[in-house]
Each structure stands twice: as C-alpha cells, then as structure tokens.
C-alpha atoms as a PDB file:
ATOM      1  CA  UNK A   1       0.000   0.000   0.000  1.00  0.00           C
ATOM      2  CA  UNK A   2       2.806   2.422   0.829  1.00  0.00           C
ATOM      3  CA  UNK A   3       4.300   2.041  -2.656  1.00  0.00           C
ATOM      4  CA  UNK A   4       1.192   3.860  -3.954  1.00  0.00           C
ATOM      5  CA  UNK A   5       1.712   6.828  -1.611  1.00  0.00           C
ATOM      6  CA  UNK A   6       3.905   9.013  -3.913  1.00  0.00           C
ATOM      7  CA  UNK A   7       1.433   8.622  -6.794  1.00  0.00           C
ATOM      8  CA  UNK A   8      -1.515   9.350  -4.514  1.00  0.00           C
ATOM      9  CA  UNK A   9       0.174  12.504  -3.229  1.00  0.00           C
ATOM     10  CA  UNK A  10       0.810  13.690  -6.795  1.00  0.00           C
ATOM     11  CA  UNK A  11      -2.816  13.005  -7.746  1.00  0.00           C
ATOM     12  CA  UNK A  12      -3.978  14.802  -4.606  1.00  0.00           C
ATOM     13  CA  UNK A  13      -1.868  17.871  -5.351  1.00  0.00           C
ATOM     14  CA  UNK A  14      -3.245  18.012  -8.897  1.00  0.00           C
ATOM     15  CA  UNK A  15      -6.859  17.706  -7.729  1.00  0.00           C
ATOM     16  CA  UNK A  16      -6.217  20.156  -4.897  1.00  0.00           C
ATOM     17  CA  UNK A  17      -4.780  22.699  -7.343  1.00  0.00           C
ATOM     18  CA  UNK A  18      -8.058  22.547  -9.251  1.00  0.00           C
ATOM     19  CA  UNK A  19     -10.046  23.271  -6.080  1.00  0.00           C
ATOM     20  CA  UNK A  20      -7.644  26.026  -5.019  1.00  0.00           C
ATOM     21  CA  UNK A  21      -7.786  27.800  -8.393  1.00  0.00           C
ATOM     22  CA  UNK A  22     -11.583  27.913  -8.257  1.00  0.00           C
ATOM     23  CA  UNK A  23     -11.622  28.830  -4.566  1.00  0.00           C
ATOM     24  CA  UNK A  24      -9.306  31.818  -5.055  1.00  0.00           C
ATOM     25  CA  UNK A  25     -11.934  33.826  -6.925  1.00  0.00           C
ATOM     26  CA  UNK A  26     -14.714  32.646  -4.664  1.00  0.00           C
ATOM     27  CA  UNK A  27     -12.912  33.574  -1.444  1.00  0.00           C
ATOM     28  CA  UNK A  28     -11.990  37.003  -2.819  1.00  0.00           C
ATOM     29  CA  UNK A  29     -15.593  37.883  -3.704  1.00  0.00           C
ATOM     30  CA  UNK A  30     -16.985  36.447  -0.477  1.00  0.00           C
ATOM     31  CA  UNK A  31     -14.251  37.945   1.691  1.00  0.00           C
ATOM     32  CA  UNK A  32     -14.679  41.468   0.288  1.00  0.00           C
ATOM     33  CA  UNK A  33     -18.347  41.688  -0.744  1.00  0.00           C
ATOM     34  CA  UNK A  34     -19.865  38.935   1.459  1.00  0.00           C
ATOM     35  CA  UNK A  35     -21.619  37.461  -1.588  1.00  0.00           C
ATOM     36  CA  UNK A  36     -21.997  33.645  -1.505  1.00  0.00           C
ATOM     37  CA  UNK A  37     -21.659  33.391  -5.274  1.00  0.00           C
ATOM     38  CA  UNK A  38     -22.862  29.883  -6.089  1.00  0.00           C
ATOM     39  CA  UNK A  39     -22.883  30.971  -9.743  1.00  0.00           C
ATOM     40  CA  UNK A  40     -19.066  31.055  -9.614  1.00  0.00           C
ATOM     41  CA  UNK A  41     -19.149  27.433 -10.784  1.00  0.00           C
ATOM     42  CA  UNK A  42     -20.996  28.531 -13.916  1.00  0.00           C
ATOM     43  CA  UNK A  43     -18.306  31.126 -14.670  1.00  0.00           C
ATOM     44  CA  UNK A  44     -15.875  28.210 -14.504  1.00  0.00           C
ATOM     45  CA  UNK A  45     -18.174  26.207 -16.803  1.00  0.00           C
ATOM     46  CA  UNK A  46     -18.555  29.055 -19.305  1.00  0.00           C
ATOM     47  CA  UNK A  47     -14.785  29.502 -19.415  1.00  0.00           C
ATOM     48  CA  UNK A  48     -14.498  25.824 -20.342  1.00  0.00           C
ATOM     49  CA  UNK A  49     -17.268  25.925 -22.957  1.00  0.00           C
ATOM     50  CA  UNK A  50     -15.947  29.144 -24.510  1.00  0.00           C
ATOM     51  CA  UNK A  51     -12.511  27.576 -24.880  1.00  0.00           C
ATOM     52  CA  UNK A  52     -14.026  24.390 -26.324  1.00  0.00           C
ATOM     53  CA  UNK A  53     -16.047  26.381 -28.870  1.00  0.00           C
ATOM     54  CA  UNK A  54     -13.094  28.564 -29.895  1.00  0.00           C
ATOM     55  CA  UNK A  55     -10.721  25.617 -30.266  1.00  0.00           C
ATOM     56  CA  UNK A  56     -13.418  23.823 -32.292  1.00  0.00           C
ATOM     57  CA  UNK A  57     -13.550  26.872 -34.572  1.00  0.00           C
ATOM     58  CA  UNK A  58      -9.811  26.575 -35.240  1.00  0.00           C
ATOM     59  CA  UNK A  59      -8.450  29.071 -32.699  1.00  0.00           C
ATOM     60  CA  UNK A  60      -5.118  28.241 -31.026  1.00  0.00           C
ATOM     61  CA  UNK A  61      -5.716  26.839 -27.523  1.00  0.00           C
ATOM     62  CA  UNK A  62      -3.750  29.523 -25.686  1.00  0.00           C
ATOM     63  CA  UNK A  63      -5.397  32.345 -27.620  1.00  0.00           C
ATOM     64  CA  UNK A  64      -8.756  30.681 -26.945  1.00  0.00           C
ATOM     65  CA  UNK A  65      -7.956  30.693 -23.211  1.00  0.00           C
ATOM     66  CA  UNK A  66      -7.283  34.449 -23.307  1.00  0.00           C
ATOM     67  CA  UNK A  67     -10.465  35.207 -25.270  1.00  0.00           C
ATOM     68  CA  UNK A  68     -12.576  32.902 -23.081  1.00  0.00           C
ATOM     69  CA  UNK A  69     -11.236  34.533 -19.910  1.00  0.00           C
ATOM     70  CA  UNK A  70     -12.097  38.014 -21.217  1.00  0.00           C
ATOM     71  CA  UNK A  71     -15.604  36.809 -22.110  1.00  0.00           C
ATOM     72  CA  UNK A  72     -16.104  35.404 -18.606  1.00  0.00           C
ATOM     73  CA  UNK A  73     -14.830  38.601 -16.974  1.00  0.00           C
ATOM     74  CA  UNK A  74     -17.473  40.541 -18.915  1.00  0.00           C
ATOM     75  CA  UNK A  75     -20.151  38.011 -17.963  1.00  0.00           C
ATOM     76  CA  UNK A  76     -19.098  38.179 -14.321  1.00  0.00           C
ATOM     77  CA  UNK A  77     -19.417  41.952 -14.255  1.00  0.00           C
ATOM     78  CA  UNK A  78     -22.845  41.737 -15.937  1.00  0.00           C
ATOM     79  CA  UNK A  79     -23.880  39.064 -13.434  1.00  0.00           C
ATOM     80  CA  UNK A  80     -23.000  41.357 -10.550  1.00  0.00           C
ATOM     81  CA  UNK A  81     -24.762  44.321 -12.151  1.00  0.00           C
ATOM     82  CA  UNK A  82     -27.998  42.462 -12.898  1.00  0.00           C
ATOM     83  CA  UNK A  83     -28.243  40.016  -9.995  1.00  0.00           C
ATOM     84  CA  UNK A  84     -26.265  41.126  -6.941  1.00  0.00           C
ATOM     85  CA  UNK A  85     -26.148  44.928  -7.048  1.00  0.00           C
ATOM     86  CA  UNK A  86     -29.967  45.290  -6.886  1.00  0.00           C
ATOM     87  CA  UNK A  87     -29.813  43.172  -3.708  1.00  0.00           C
ATOM     88  CA  UNK A  88     -26.905  45.089  -2.180  1.00  0.00           C
ATOM     89  CA  UNK A  89     -28.729  45.801   1.084  1.00  0.00           C
ATOM     90  CA  UNK A  90     -30.598  42.493   1.249  1.00  0.00           C
ATOM     91  CA  UNK A  91     -29.953  39.561   3.553  1.00  0.00           C
ATOM     92  CA  UNK A  92     -27.393  36.845   2.922  1.00  0.00           C
ATOM     93  CA  UNK A  93     -30.253  34.433   2.265  1.00  0.00           C
ATOM     94  CA  UNK A  94     -31.580  36.635  -0.535  1.00  0.00           C
ATOM     95  CA  UNK A  95     -28.113  36.828  -2.102  1.00  0.00           C
ATOM     96  CA  UNK A  96     -27.735  33.050  -1.852  1.00  0.00           C
ATOM     97  CA  UNK A  97     -31.110  32.435  -3.518  1.00  0.00           C
ATOM     98  CA  UNK A  98     -30.256  34.930  -6.270  1.00  0.00           C
ATOM     99  CA  UNK A  99     -26.908  33.213  -6.849  1.00  0.00           C
ATOM    100  CA  UNK A 100     -28.581  29.802  -7.080  1.00  0.00           C
ATOM    101  CA  UNK A 101     -31.149  31.183  -9.526  1.00  0.00           C
ATOM    102  CA  UNK A 102     -28.377  32.686 -11.676  1.00  0.00           C
ATOM    103  CA  UNK A 103     -26.552  29.357 -11.545  1.00  0.00           C
ATOM    104  CA  UNK A 104     -29.578  27.448 -12.856  1.00  0.00           C
ATOM    105  CA  UNK A 105     -30.223  30.027 -15.601  1.00  0.00           C
ATOM    106  CA  UNK A 106     -26.623  29.825 -16.823  1.00  0.00           C
ATOM    107  CA  UNK A 107     -26.687  26.014 -16.750  1.00  0.00           C
ATOM    108  CA  UNK A 108     -29.880  25.896 -18.797  1.00  0.00           C
ATOM    109  CA  UNK A 109     -28.546  28.469 -21.245  1.00  0.00           C
ATOM    110  CA  UNK A 110     -25.417  26.383 -21.774  1.00  0.00           C
ATOM    111  CA  UNK A 111     -27.576  23.274 -22.274  1.00  0.00           C
ATOM    112  CA  UNK A 112     -29.622  25.049 -24.965  1.00  0.00           C
ATOM    113  CA  UNK A 113     -26.475  26.225 -26.780  1.00  0.00           C
ATOM    114  CA  UNK A 114     -24.210  23.177 -26.464  1.00  0.00           C
ATOM    115  CA  UNK A 115     -26.423  20.318 -25.290  1.00  0.00           C
ATOM    116  CA  UNK A 116     -25.882  18.111 -22.261  1.00  0.00           C
ATOM    117  CA  UNK A 117     -23.357  15.651 -23.695  1.00  0.00           C
ATOM    118  CA  UNK A 118     -19.813  15.923 -22.256  1.00  0.00           C
ATOM    119  CA  UNK A 119     -17.246  17.425 -24.633  1.00  0.00           C
ATOM    120  CA  UNK A 120     -13.453  17.307 -24.590  1.00  0.00           C
ATOM    121  CA  UNK A 121     -10.698  19.701 -25.618  1.00  0.00           C
ATOM    122  CA  UNK A 122      -7.328  18.252 -26.720  1.00  0.00           C
ATOM    123  CA  UNK A 123      -4.515  18.781 -24.205  1.00  0.00           C
ATOM    124  CA  UNK A 124      -2.100  21.489 -25.385  1.00  0.00           C
ATOM    125  CA  UNK A 125       0.786  19.956 -23.407  1.00  0.00           C
ATOM    126  CA  UNK A 126       1.081  16.214 -24.132  1.00  0.00           C
ATOM    127  CA  UNK A 127       3.471  13.840 -22.434  1.00  0.00           C
ATOM    128  CA  UNK A 128       4.079  12.317 -19.022  1.00  0.00           C
ATOM    129  CA  UNK A 129       6.972  12.694 -16.607  1.00  0.00           C
ATOM    130  CA  UNK A 130       7.852   9.322 -15.088  1.00  0.00           C
ATOM    131  CA  UNK A 131       9.938   9.033 -11.950  1.00  0.00           C
ATOM    132  CA  UNK A 132      10.572   6.371  -9.331  1.00  0.00           C
ATOM    133  CA  UNK A 133       7.258   5.665  -7.639  1.00  0.00           C
ATOM    134  CA  UNK A 134       5.002   8.021  -9.576  1.00  0.00           C
ATOM    135  CA  UNK A 135       4.161   9.631 -12.884  1.00  0.00           C
ATOM    136  CA  UNK A 136       2.601  13.001 -13.657  1.00  0.00           C
ATOM    137  CA  UNK A 137       1.411  14.528 -16.910  1.00  0.00           C
ATOM    138  CA  UNK A 138       3.190  17.685 -18.009  1.00  0.00           C
ATOM    139  CA  UNK A 139      -0.208  19.364 -18.219  1.00  0.00           C
ATOM    140  CA  UNK A 140      -0.832  18.528 -14.551  1.00  0.00           C
ATOM    141  CA  UNK A 141       2.470  20.176 -13.653  1.00  0.00           C
ATOM    142  CA  UNK A 142       1.312  23.232 -15.591  1.00  0.00           C
ATOM    143  CA  UNK A 143      -1.990  23.322 -13.666  1.00  0.00           C
ATOM    144  CA  UNK A 144      -0.161  23.252 -10.317  1.00  0.00           C
ATOM    145  CA  UNK A 145       2.209  26.000 -11.494  1.00  0.00           C
ATOM    146  CA  UNK A 146      -0.699  28.072 -12.822  1.00  0.00           C
ATOM    147  CA  UNK A 147      -2.496  27.858  -9.464  1.00  0.00           C
ATOM    148  CA  UNK A 148       0.582  29.109  -7.627  1.00  0.00           C
ATOM    149  CA  UNK A 149       1.076  31.860 -10.222  1.00  0.00           C
ATOM    150  CA  UNK A 150      -2.575  32.928  -9.899  1.00  0.00           C
ATOM    151  CA  UNK A 151      -2.218  33.088  -6.123  1.00  0.00           C
ATOM    152  CA  UNK A 152       0.967  35.130  -6.510  1.00  0.00           C
ATOM    153  CA  UNK A 153      -0.721  37.521  -8.937  1.00  0.00           C
ATOM    154  CA  UNK A 154      -3.682  38.104  -6.631  1.00  0.00           C
ATOM    155  CA  UNK A 155      -1.354  38.566  -3.657  1.00  0.00           C
ATOM    156  CA  UNK A 156       0.654  41.179  -5.559  1.00  0.00           C
ATOM    157  CA  UNK A 157      -2.492  43.055  -6.575  1.00  0.00           C
ATOM    158  CA  UNK A 158      -3.852  43.075  -3.027  1.00  0.00           C
ATOM    159  CA  UNK A 159      -0.582  43.949  -1.290  1.00  0.00           C
ATOM    160  CA  UNK A 160       1.406  46.004  -3.795  1.00  0.00           C
ATOM    161  CA  UNK A 161      -1.113  48.249  -5.535  1.00  0.00           C
ATOM    162  CA  UNK A 162      -3.472  51.111  -4.733  1.00  0.00           C
ATOM    163  CA  UNK A 163      -6.368  48.983  -5.959  1.00  0.00           C
ATOM    164  CA  UNK A 164      -5.386  46.221  -3.559  1.00  0.00           C
ATOM    165  CA  UNK A 165      -5.173  48.711  -0.702  1.00  0.00           C
ATOM    166  CA  UNK A 166      -8.697  49.892  -1.515  1.00  0.00           C
ATOM    167  CA  UNK A 167     -10.009  46.327  -1.725  1.00  0.00           C
ATOM    168  CA  UNK A 168      -8.468  45.420   1.640  1.00  0.00           C
ATOM    169  CA  UNK A 169      -9.861  48.590   3.208  1.00  0.00           C
ATOM    170  CA  UNK A 170     -13.383  47.782   2.013  1.00  0.00           C
ATOM    171  CA  UNK A 171     -13.016  44.190   3.239  1.00  0.00           C
ATOM    172  CA  UNK A 172     -12.035  45.421   6.717  1.00  0.00           C
ATOM    173  CA  UNK A 173     -14.573  48.239   7.091  1.00  0.00           C
ATOM    174  CA  UNK A 174     -16.762  49.379   4.203  1.00  0.00           C
ATOM    175  CA  UNK A 175     -18.064  52.473   5.988  1.00  0.00           C
ATOM    176  CA  UNK A 176     -14.632  53.727   7.029  1.00  0.00           C
ATOM    177  CA  UNK A 177     -13.253  53.074   3.545  1.00  0.00           C
ATOM    178  CA  UNK A 178     -16.029  55.164   2.013  1.00  0.00           C
ATOM    179  CA  UNK A 179     -15.339  58.004   4.439  1.00  0.00           C
ATOM    180  CA  UNK A 180     -11.688  57.929   3.326  1.00  0.00           C
ATOM    181  CA  UNK A 181     -12.763  58.616  -0.244  1.00  0.00           C
ATOM    182  CA  UNK A 182     -12.610  55.085  -1.644  1.00  0.00           C
ATOM    183  CA  UNK A 183     -15.173  54.574  -4.407  1.00  0.00           C
ATOM    184  CA  UNK A 184     -17.103  51.450  -3.443  1.00  0.00           C
ATOM    185  CA  UNK A 185     -18.434  50.962  -6.978  1.00  0.00           C
ATOM    186  CA  UNK A 186     -14.916  50.735  -8.412  1.00  0.00           C
ATOM    187  CA  UNK A 187     -13.795  48.299  -5.714  1.00  0.00           C
ATOM    188  CA  UNK A 188     -16.859  46.141  -6.300  1.00  0.00           C
ATOM    189  CA  UNK A 189     -16.259  46.111 -10.050  1.00  0.00           C
ATOM    190  CA  UNK A 190     -12.586  45.203  -9.635  1.00  0.00           C
ATOM    191  CA  UNK A 191     -13.311  42.484  -7.072  1.00  0.00           C
ATOM    192  CA  UNK A 192     -15.937  40.804  -9.207  1.00  0.00           C
ATOM    193  CA  UNK A 193     -13.772  41.132 -12.328  1.00  0.00           C
ATOM    194  CA  UNK A 194     -10.801  39.477 -10.603  1.00  0.00           C
ATOM    195  CA  UNK A 195     -13.043  36.733  -9.209  1.00  0.00           C
ATOM    196  CA  UNK A 196     -14.557  36.090 -12.650  1.00  0.00           C
ATOM    197  CA  UNK A 197     -11.070  36.122 -14.198  1.00  0.00           C
ATOM    198  CA  UNK A 198      -9.932  33.361 -11.848  1.00  0.00           C
ATOM    199  CA  UNK A 199     -13.080  31.298 -12.416  1.00  0.00           C
ATOM    200  CA  UNK A 200     -12.993  31.728 -16.183  1.00  0.00           C
ATOM    201  CA  UNK A 201      -9.255  31.040 -16.384  1.00  0.00           C
ATOM    202  CA  UNK A 202      -9.680  27.888 -14.331  1.00  0.00           C
ATOM    203  CA  UNK A 203     -12.446  26.609 -16.599  1.00  0.00           C
ATOM    204  CA  UNK A 204     -10.582  27.557 -19.768  1.00  0.00           C
ATOM    205  CA  UNK A 205      -7.389  25.751 -18.763  1.00  0.00           C
ATOM    206  CA  UNK A 206      -9.053  22.751 -17.137  1.00  0.00           C
ATOM    207  CA  UNK A 207     -11.249  22.163 -20.207  1.00  0.00           C
ATOM    208  CA  UNK A 208      -8.216  20.230 -21.475  1.00  0.00           C
ATOM    209  CA  UNK A 209      -8.166  18.021 -18.364  1.00  0.00           C
ATOM    210  CA  UNK A 210     -11.843  17.421 -17.533  1.00  0.00           C
ATOM    211  CA  UNK A 211     -15.016  16.744 -19.571  1.00  0.00           C
ATOM    212  CA  UNK A 212     -16.957  19.908 -20.429  1.00  0.00           C
ATOM    213  CA  UNK A 213     -20.739  19.871 -19.792  1.00  0.00           C
ATOM    214  CA  UNK A 214     -23.339  22.356 -18.445  1.00  0.00           C
ATOM    215  CA  UNK A 215     -23.384  21.136 -14.837  1.00  0.00           C
ATOM    216  CA  UNK A 216     -19.611  20.690 -14.522  1.00  0.00           C
ATOM    217  CA  UNK A 217     -19.355  23.646 -12.123  1.00  0.00           C
ATOM    218  CA  UNK A 218     -21.632  22.270  -9.402  1.00  0.00           C
ATOM    219  CA  UNK A 219     -19.220  19.899  -7.674  1.00  0.00           C
ATOM    220  CA  UNK A 220     -16.129  22.151  -7.929  1.00  0.00           C
ATOM    221  CA  UNK A 221     -17.938  25.175  -6.484  1.00  0.00           C
ATOM    222  CA  UNK A 222     -19.262  23.096  -3.572  1.00  0.00           C
ATOM    223  CA  UNK A 223     -15.719  21.893  -2.921  1.00  0.00           C
ATOM    224  CA  UNK A 224     -14.506  25.484  -3.252  1.00  0.00           C
ATOM    225  CA  UNK A 225     -16.913  26.539  -0.482  1.00  0.00           C
ATOM    226  CA  UNK A 226     -15.466  23.745   1.649  1.00  0.00           C
ATOM    227  CA  UNK A 227     -12.004  25.128   0.882  1.00  0.00           C
ATOM    228  CA  UNK A 228     -13.232  28.624   1.799  1.00  0.00           C
ATOM    229  CA  UNK A 229     -14.354  27.385   5.228  1.00  0.00           C
ATOM    230  CA  UNK A 230     -11.348  25.114   5.647  1.00  0.00           C
ATOM    231  CA  UNK A 231      -8.787  27.788   4.815  1.00  0.00           C
ATOM    232  CA  UNK A 232     -10.547  30.746   6.405  1.00  0.00           C
ATOM    233  CA  UNK A 233     -12.842  33.291   4.763  1.00  0.00           C
ATOM    234  CA  UNK A 234     -10.915  35.849   2.719  1.00  0.00           C
ATOM    235  CA  UNK A 235      -7.564  34.157   3.411  1.00  0.00           C
ATOM    236  CA  UNK A 236      -5.566  33.655   0.179  1.00  0.00           C
ATOM    237  CA  UNK A 237      -3.026  31.394   1.858  1.00  0.00           C
ATOM    238  CA  UNK A 238      -5.952  29.414   3.210  1.00  0.00           C
ATOM    239  CA  UNK A 239      -7.461  29.040  -0.275  1.00  0.00           C
ATOM    240  CA  UNK A 240      -4.254  27.508  -1.626  1.00  0.00           C
ATOM    241  CA  UNK A 241      -3.369  25.349   1.369  1.00  0.00           C
ATOM    242  CA  UNK A 242      -6.981  24.370   2.013  1.00  0.00           C
ATOM    243  CA  UNK A 243      -7.461  23.355  -1.630  1.00  0.00           C
ATOM    244  CA  UNK A 244      -4.302  21.255  -1.682  1.00  0.00           C
ATOM    245  CA  UNK A 245      -5.161  19.657   1.657  1.00  0.00           C
ATOM    246  CA  UNK A 246      -8.685  18.811   0.504  1.00  0.00           C
ATOM    247  CA  UNK A 247      -7.410  17.299  -2.742  1.00  0.00           C
ATOM    248  CA  UNK A 248      -4.907  15.102  -0.904  1.00  0.00           C
ATOM    249  CA  UNK A 249      -7.514  13.957   1.642  1.00  0.00           C
ATOM    250  CA  UNK A 250     -10.011  13.073  -1.103  1.00  0.00           C
ATOM    251  CA  UNK A 251      -7.466  11.056  -3.080  1.00  0.00           C
ATOM    252  CA  UNK A 252      -6.254   9.255   0.045  1.00  0.00           C
ATOM    253  CA  UNK A 253      -9.807   8.340   1.065  1.00  0.00           C
ATOM    254  CA  UNK A 254     -10.616   7.147  -2.462  1.00  0.00           C
ATOM    255  CA  UNK A 255      -7.364   5.199  -2.787  1.00  0.00           C
ATOM    256  CA  UNK A 256      -7.088   3.605   0.644  1.00  0.00           C
ATOM    257  CA  UNK A 257     -10.682   3.323   1.841  1.00  0.00           C
ATOM    258  CA  UNK A 258     -13.343   3.627  -0.890  1.00  0.00           C
ATOM    259  CA  UNK A 259     -13.991   5.936  -3.828  1.00  0.00           C
ATOM    260  CA  UNK A 260     -17.651   6.009  -2.762  1.00  0.00           C
ATOM    261  CA  UNK A 261     -16.625   7.709   0.495  1.00  0.00           C
ATOM    262  CA  UNK A 262     -14.569  10.430  -1.194  1.00  0.00           C
ATOM    263  CA  UNK A 263     -17.230  13.141  -0.963  1.00  0.00           C
ATOM    264  CA  UNK A 264     -18.347  11.894   2.461  1.00  0.00           C
ATOM    265  CA  UNK A 265     -14.826  12.498   3.741  1.00  0.00           C
ATOM    266  CA  UNK A 266     -14.861  16.014   2.281  1.00  0.00           C
ATOM    267  CA  UNK A 267     -18.019  17.101   4.051  1.00  0.00           C
ATOM    268  CA  UNK A 268     -17.041  15.355   7.280  1.00  0.00           C
ATOM    269  CA  UNK A 269     -13.972  17.591   7.283  1.00  0.00           C
ATOM    270  CA  UNK A 270     -16.265  20.586   6.726  1.00  0.00           C
ATOM    271  CA  UNK A 271     -18.432  19.647   9.729  1.00  0.00           C
ATOM    272  CA  UNK A 272     -15.394  19.074  11.958  1.00  0.00           C
ATOM    273  CA  UNK A 273     -13.841  22.422  11.031  1.00  0.00           C
ATOM    274  CA  UNK A 274     -17.127  24.246  11.644  1.00  0.00           C
ATOM    275  CA  UNK A 275     -17.426  22.581  15.054  1.00  0.00           C
ATOM    276  CA  UNK A 276     -13.824  22.878  16.228  1.00  0.00           C
ATOM    277  CA  UNK A 277     -12.420  25.920  14.402  1.00  0.00           C
ATOM    278  CA  UNK A 278     -15.169  27.891  12.625  1.00  0.00           C
ATOM    279  CA  UNK A 279     -12.721  30.618  11.523  1.00  0.00           C
ATOM    280  CA  UNK A 280     -10.859  28.008   9.443  1.00  0.00           C
ATOM    281  CA  UNK A 281      -7.509  26.296   9.870  1.00  0.00           C
ATOM    282  CA  UNK A 282      -5.559  29.296   8.592  1.00  0.00           C
ATOM    283  CA  UNK A 283      -7.968  32.125   9.377  1.00  0.00           C
ATOM    284  CA  UNK A 284      -8.607  34.414  12.283  1.00  0.00           C
ATOM    285  CA  UNK A 285     -11.860  35.032  14.108  1.00  0.00           C
ATOM    286  CA  UNK A 286     -14.243  36.841  11.730  1.00  0.00           C
ATOM    287  CA  UNK A 287     -16.134  39.796  13.168  1.00  0.00           C
ATOM    288  CA  UNK A 288     -19.550  40.502  11.684  1.00  0.00           C
ATOM    289  CA  UNK A 289     -19.667  43.703   9.659  1.00  0.00           C
END
C-alpha cells in the first residue's frame, strides 16, 4: 500500500490545485463583498465551454484561453450588475437564492447552446513525466504552477497596488473606507472582475483536463466553499493550502478506503472544522460587519 503513496500525493496535489484555483476567486468575492456566489461554478463552466467552442472553430488553444477569460470577466461583471447589485442591502439568504437562480439560468442556457453531452478539448501539453514511484502529466504540472502563479498575482495586486489597498480597506470596514474617499463601486467592479477572471481562467485551462458539460461547475464550487471554510474566509493562503489539503484527503480516502466515500470524507472535514475551528484552519476570528 505504501508504494502507492507518492502517486496518490501527486494526484492529490493536482486535484487540490483545481479546487484552489476555483476557490481563489470565490474567497476574494466572499471575503470582500460577502456574496456567496454559487454561480461562480458557472463562470468556470462558461470559461471551459468558450474555450471548447473557440478551439473547435480553429483558434489556437492559448489564444482561446485568453479570449474565453475576457468573455467570462465581462459576464461576471454583468452578473454582478444584474443580480447582486440590486440586492446590495438584502440579507445573505436573498443573495444566496439569487446566486442559485443565476446558476440554474446559466446552466440551462449552456444546455440550450451546447447540449448536455460531455465534450473534450485536446490537451495542449502532451506527455508524461515518469519518476521512481510516480508519474505526472506535463499538463498537470502546468496546472499546479498556474495555481501558484494565480495566487501570486492576486497577492501582488492586493498587497502592492493602490487597488489592492482599496479592496483590503473595504473588506475590513466598508463604511470607514467610504469616508476615506474610496469609491465602493470601483472596488466592487474590480473584485468581481478578478473573481470572474480566476473562475474563467480555471475553466478555460481545465477544459483540457476534464469533460466539459453544463453542470460541470456544481461539484467544484461546492468543494470550493469547503475550501473557503477550511482555509478561512478571505484568506488567500488558506485558499491555496486548504485546496491542496482537501485534494490530498479526497485522493487518500478514495485510494485507501473507498472511492464512494470520497465526498463523504470532504463534508465530514467541513463539519469538523465548523465545530472545532469555525474561523478556518488558517484564518482568524471573523467579526460581523
């Protein structure tokens, strides 16, 4: 059994990178705007379908990824403008219901356009790296590197730019930030655009690693919410480490216990964290704003 451990760890890191990449955008939007955006999974799905459609039309994969990401950013901003901004002063329950409604509408729209059959996009990076005890596809290595690069980019924006300073100020105290002259509309637009960028980029890239179909965003966004709780709300380090940890745990449960208990293990972890450390493993106590 132990001879499988290196391969299981590699598989867990790859799966965890997928969760972390999706969770980055989700935790940013939730941490700053307190919007439980369940439609984030559909931004991921639309990034994948846009890339699939563009590649099918003869566009180079990498150019298709760029175009698809821009399309999803625009859709994310429109989603905020039409769905969440009108409910800006509503309860969290109202925002959650609106997000779920938007999720269903986007899923049905994708089904009308592309149908419900799974599609595939050819991998742009073929080949496998084989080493003693494990093997990993070059594309999987790229996904892990992309997740770390995305985290680094978001960290730089939040900690080394005026925009990031404004976003962090609004996240800490919206009223005080507004009194200091920070334009809340601009911060909201930037936050949602960055969140949509991360979701769309994740879907666009991972369309070459996973089947593409209208409901493909449901499971990843649920796992991303688990990562959000596990890592700590609004904590970027927590999004990365929580995603990787969750991926490793899922693969270990599937490999050493039963694949049928993989999701059970995930949500058992969620319950335990909520009971024992509700601020998350890497977060601090969250004060209601």
